[in-house]
């Protein structure tokens, strides 16, 4: 193993994506779509972390919107509702990120720093077009100072985004996860064969993409979603990345 390919949402940062999807759908069902709500299976308490992880997490924005509507049998014959949901969700998440309403996972930062220090090549590969905005706001200098860590590659202005040798976040691909295109492209940009890369994912679609690309995969089950990651084929499943530091 020479390369590590990180998903962002749910792996490196506790992003507001799940919150943004839920709040946007709720708002639309209570306003613009209130006339069709009785014909659907939607109820606010049915939007759960398990549903988000299984059907929305890791997918490109429009695909995620389509999946979410399908979960609640919201009619969308021409795709207009999926586009509206995706647009409104994007506006909300941009606002949440700008307000700093997300946090980075300390265990993931420790893992990435140690991996970099040991000479592994790192890539960030998220389907989210909002991932870079979060990676640019996480100060590695501040983190290292708070944790009492010193790395020669972390300077006063080093941000999380600077740790990666390749960054595929937000790029447009012909196929979204669970297709392996994004991860195969990351491996090429790291100049490594897929067999020498490990993908780190928290979403079922992401694990499926890693395995379809011939890569090993660490499934990060932060919210009790171990069965789904296991069924998708993750090679190791952990609740926190500091449980698997030995792999480095």
Protein backbone atom coordinates (compact mmCIF):
# COMPACT_ATOMS: atom_id res chain seq x y z
CA UNK A 1 0.00 0.00 0.00
CA UNK A 2 1.45 3.31 -1.11
CA UNK A 3 -1.59 5.52 -1.65
CA UNK A 4 -4.55 6.58 0.49
CA UNK A 5 -7.66 8.01 -1.15
CA UNK A 6 -9.96 9.85 1.24
CA UNK A 7 -13.60 10.65 0.87
CA UNK A 8 -14.32 13.91 2.72
CA UNK A 9 -17.85 14.05 4.13
CA UNK A 10 -18.12 11.70 7.08
CA UNK A 11 -14.45 10.68 6.86
CA UNK A 12 -12.41 13.86 7.28
CA UNK A 13 -15.12 16.29 8.30
CA UNK A 14 -18.50 16.15 9.98
CA UNK A 15 -20.13 18.05 7.17
CA UNK A 16 -23.59 19.63 7.18
CA UNK A 17 -24.72 17.63 4.14
CA UNK A 18 -27.10 15.35 5.99
CA UNK A 19 -28.61 18.32 7.80
CA UNK A 20 -28.92 20.35 4.59
CA UNK A 21 -30.71 17.57 2.68
CA UNK A 22 -33.16 16.99 5.53
CA UNK A 23 -33.95 20.63 6.19
CA UNK A 24 -34.36 21.43 2.50
CA UNK A 25 -36.71 18.52 1.84
CA UNK A 26 -38.77 19.40 4.90
CA UNK A 27 -39.07 23.03 3.80
CA UNK A 28 -40.15 22.10 0.28
CA UNK A 29 -42.70 19.55 1.50
CA UNK A 30 -44.20 22.18 3.81
CA UNK A 31 -44.33 24.94 1.20
CA UNK A 32 -43.94 24.47 -2.55
CA UNK A 33 -44.84 20.78 -2.52
CA UNK A 34 -47.51 20.73 0.16
CA UNK A 35 -50.19 19.85 -2.38
CA UNK A 36 -48.49 16.54 -3.26
CA UNK A 37 -47.33 15.66 0.25
CA UNK A 38 -50.39 13.50 1.08
CA UNK A 39 -49.60 11.29 -1.92
CA UNK A 40 -46.07 10.58 -0.71
CA UNK A 41 -44.56 8.57 2.13
CA UNK A 42 -42.76 11.61 3.53
CA UNK A 43 -42.66 12.45 7.21
CA UNK A 44 -39.85 14.42 8.88
CA UNK A 45 -39.06 11.63 11.34
CA UNK A 46 -38.57 9.16 8.47
CA UNK A 47 -35.50 11.07 7.32
CA UNK A 48 -32.84 9.34 9.40
CA UNK A 49 -29.09 8.96 9.38
CA UNK A 50 -29.53 5.36 8.21
CA UNK A 51 -31.61 6.48 5.24
CA UNK A 52 -29.13 9.23 4.37
CA UNK A 53 -26.15 6.87 4.54
CA UNK A 54 -27.82 4.16 2.50
CA UNK A 55 -29.39 6.27 -0.25
CA UNK A 56 -27.83 9.74 -0.45
CA UNK A 57 -24.33 9.86 1.05
CA UNK A 58 -21.45 9.75 -1.41
CA UNK A 59 -23.54 10.42 -4.51
CA UNK A 60 -23.33 13.44 -6.82
CA UNK A 61 -25.81 16.15 -5.90
CA UNK A 62 -28.51 15.48 -8.50
CA UNK A 63 -28.25 11.73 -8.04
CA UNK A 64 -28.60 12.21 -4.28
CA UNK A 65 -31.70 14.35 -4.80
CA UNK A 66 -33.25 11.74 -7.08
CA UNK A 67 -32.56 8.98 -4.56
CA UNK A 68 -34.02 10.99 -1.70
CA UNK A 69 -37.23 11.69 -3.59
CA UNK A 70 -37.49 8.03 -4.57
CA UNK A 71 -37.17 7.00 -0.93
CA UNK A 72 -40.36 8.90 -0.11
CA UNK A 73 -42.12 8.17 -3.42
CA UNK A 74 -42.24 11.83 -4.34
CA UNK A 75 -43.43 12.02 -7.96
CA UNK A 76 -40.93 13.66 -10.30
CA UNK A 77 -41.85 12.75 -13.88
CA UNK A 78 -39.67 15.40 -15.55
CA UNK A 79 -36.89 15.67 -12.96
CA UNK A 80 -37.86 19.24 -12.01
CA UNK A 81 -38.35 18.42 -8.32
CA UNK A 82 -34.96 16.72 -8.05
CA UNK A 83 -33.31 19.76 -9.62
CA UNK A 84 -35.19 22.10 -7.28
CA UNK A 85 -34.23 20.03 -4.23
CA UNK A 86 -30.59 19.95 -5.31
CA UNK A 87 -30.50 23.71 -5.94
CA UNK A 88 -32.11 24.64 -2.62
CA UNK A 89 -29.90 22.19 -0.72
CA UNK A 90 -26.78 23.66 -2.33
CA UNK A 91 -27.74 27.19 -1.31
CA UNK A 92 -28.25 26.06 2.29
CA UNK A 93 -25.02 24.09 2.57
CA UNK A 94 -22.95 26.95 1.17
CA UNK A 95 -24.41 29.15 3.89
CA UNK A 96 -23.70 26.56 6.59
CA UNK A 97 -20.09 26.10 5.47
CA UNK A 98 -19.49 29.85 5.26
CA UNK A 99 -20.74 30.14 8.83
CA UNK A 100 -18.32 27.41 9.86
CA UNK A 101 -21.08 25.03 10.97
CA UNK A 102 -18.99 21.88 10.52
CA UNK A 103 -16.09 20.25 12.31
CA UNK A 104 -13.11 18.14 11.30
CA UNK A 105 -12.68 14.72 12.89
CA UNK A 106 -9.59 14.71 15.09
CA UNK A 107 -8.92 11.01 14.49
CA UNK A 108 -8.94 11.58 10.73
CA UNK A 109 -6.53 14.51 10.98
CA UNK A 110 -4.15 12.42 13.10
CA UNK A 111 -4.40 9.60 10.53
CA UNK A 112 -3.75 11.86 7.54
CA UNK A 113 -0.80 13.57 9.21
CA UNK A 114 0.82 10.28 10.20
CA UNK A 115 0.26 8.84 6.72
CA UNK A 116 1.88 11.88 5.12
CA UNK A 117 4.82 11.70 7.54
CA UNK A 118 5.42 8.06 6.57
CA UNK A 119 5.65 8.91 2.89
CA UNK A 120 2.28 7.69 1.69
CA UNK A 121 0.72 9.59 -1.20
CA UNK A 122 -2.66 11.09 -0.36
CA UNK A 123 -5.66 12.00 -2.50
CA UNK A 124 -8.99 13.61 -1.67
CA UNK A 125 -11.85 12.26 -3.77
CA UNK A 126 -15.32 13.45 -2.87
CA UNK A 127 -18.30 13.73 -5.17
CA UNK A 128 -19.33 16.86 -3.29
CA UNK A 129 -18.61 20.18 -4.93
CA UNK A 130 -18.56 21.68 -1.43
CA UNK A 131 -15.70 19.54 -0.14
CA UNK A 132 -12.92 21.95 -1.08
CA UNK A 133 -14.62 24.81 0.73
CA UNK A 134 -14.40 22.78 3.94
CA UNK A 135 -10.87 21.48 3.34
CA UNK A 136 -9.70 25.08 2.89
CA UNK A 137 -11.12 26.12 6.28
CA UNK A 138 -9.42 23.49 8.49
CA UNK A 139 -6.12 24.81 9.84
CA UNK A 140 -3.56 22.07 10.33
CA UNK A 141 -1.27 24.49 12.11
CA UNK A 142 -3.93 25.22 14.72
CA UNK A 143 -4.71 21.52 15.07
CA UNK A 144 -1.07 20.53 15.55
CA UNK A 145 -0.58 23.29 18.09
CA UNK A 146 -3.65 22.20 20.06
CA UNK A 147 -2.58 18.53 19.96
CA UNK A 148 1.10 19.17 20.71
CA UNK A 149 2.22 17.79 17.34
CA UNK A 150 5.10 18.86 15.13
CA UNK A 151 5.51 17.94 11.46
CA UNK A 152 8.03 19.61 9.18
CA UNK A 153 5.44 19.82 6.38
CA UNK A 154 2.94 21.78 8.50
CA UNK A 155 3.60 25.51 8.50
CA UNK A 156 1.61 28.47 9.86
CA UNK A 157 -0.62 28.62 6.78
CA UNK A 158 -1.05 24.91 6.12
CA UNK A 159 -4.67 23.91 5.68
CA UNK A 160 -6.15 20.43 5.37
CA UNK A 161 -6.39 20.76 1.60
CA UNK A 162 -2.59 21.18 1.44
CA UNK A 163 -1.93 17.64 2.73
CA UNK A 164 -3.08 16.02 -0.50
CA UNK A 165 -0.92 15.16 -3.50
CA UNK A 166 -4.04 14.91 -5.66
CA UNK A 167 -7.47 16.48 -5.25
CA UNK A 168 -10.46 15.22 -7.23
CA UNK A 169 -13.10 16.92 -5.07
CA UNK A 170 -15.90 18.56 -6.98
CA UNK A 171 -14.71 17.47 -10.41
CA UNK A 172 -17.31 16.33 -12.91
CA UNK A 173 -17.16 12.68 -13.89
CA UNK A 174 -19.17 10.76 -16.45
CA UNK A 175 -20.17 8.23 -13.79
CA UNK A 176 -20.78 8.96 -10.09
CA UNK A 177 -20.28 6.57 -7.20
CA UNK A 178 -20.84 3.58 -6.99
CA UNK A 179 -18.97 3.67 -10.32
CA UNK A 180 -15.20 3.65 -9.61
CA UNK A 181 -14.27 6.44 -12.05
CA UNK A 182 -13.38 9.02 -9.38
CA UNK A 183 -11.16 6.59 -7.46
CA UNK A 184 -9.46 5.23 -10.57
CA UNK A 185 -8.72 8.80 -11.62
CA UNK A 186 -7.29 9.52 -8.17
CA UNK A 187 -4.98 6.51 -8.44
CA UNK A 188 -3.75 7.71 -11.83
CA UNK A 189 -3.07 11.19 -10.46
CA UNK A 190 -1.09 9.61 -7.63
CA UNK A 191 0.79 7.63 -10.31
CA UNK A 192 -0.09 4.39 -8.55
CA UNK A 193 -1.91 1.23 -9.66
CA UNK A 194 -5.31 0.71 -7.99
CA UNK A 195 -4.02 -2.37 -6.17
CA UNK A 196 -1.58 -0.18 -4.26
CA UNK A 197 -4.27 2.22 -3.02
CA UNK A 198 -6.66 2.06 -0.10
CA UNK A 199 -9.89 4.04 -0.22
CA UNK A 200 -11.30 5.44 3.03
CA UNK A 201 -15.08 5.80 2.85
CA UNK A 202 -18.13 6.13 5.07
CA UNK A 203 -20.84 5.60 2.46
CA UNK A 204 -22.12 2.39 0.90
CA UNK A 205 -21.86 3.85 -2.61
CA UNK A 206 -18.25 4.83 -1.93
CA UNK A 207 -17.27 1.39 -0.69
CA UNK A 208 -18.91 -0.18 -3.73
CA UNK A 209 -16.96 2.20 -5.97
CA UNK A 210 -13.66 1.32 -4.30
CA UNK A 211 -14.22 -2.41 -4.67
CA UNK A 212 -15.38 -2.03 -8.27
CA UNK A 213 -12.08 -0.26 -8.95
CA UNK A 214 -10.03 -3.12 -7.53
CA UNK A 215 -8.99 -1.23 -4.40
CA UNK A 216 -8.97 -2.16 -0.75
CA UNK A 217 -11.32 -0.10 1.40
CA UNK A 218 -11.56 1.05 4.99
CA UNK A 219 -15.19 1.63 5.95
CA UNK A 220 -15.66 4.30 8.62
CA UNK A 221 -18.85 3.52 10.55
CA UNK A 222 -19.16 6.61 12.71
CA UNK A 223 -22.92 6.30 13.09
CA UNK A 224 -23.51 2.60 13.57
CA UNK A 225 -23.81 1.85 9.86
CA UNK A 226 -21.43 -1.12 10.03
CA UNK A 227 -23.83 -3.65 8.40
CA UNK A 228 -24.22 -1.57 5.25
CA UNK A 229 -20.49 -1.04 4.86
CA UNK A 230 -19.83 -4.71 5.48
CA UNK A 231 -22.41 -5.75 2.90
CA UNK A 232 -20.83 -3.35 0.39
CA UNK A 233 -17.50 -5.18 0.78
CA UNK A 234 -15.32 -2.98 3.01
CA UNK A 235 -12.12 -4.81 3.95
CA UNK A 236 -11.87 -3.21 7.38
CA UNK A 237 -14.60 -1.44 9.34
CA UNK A 238 -13.80 0.98 12.15
CA UNK A 239 -15.67 3.57 14.15
CA UNK A 240 -12.67 5.90 14.20
CA UNK A 241 -9.53 6.00 12.09
CA UNK A 242 -7.27 5.87 15.13
CA UNK A 243 -8.36 2.25 15.45
CA UNK A 244 -6.43 1.40 12.30
CA UNK A 245 -3.24 3.43 12.64
CA UNK A 246 -1.34 0.13 12.43
CA UNK A 247 -2.07 -0.06 8.71
CA UNK A 248 0.28 2.85 8.11
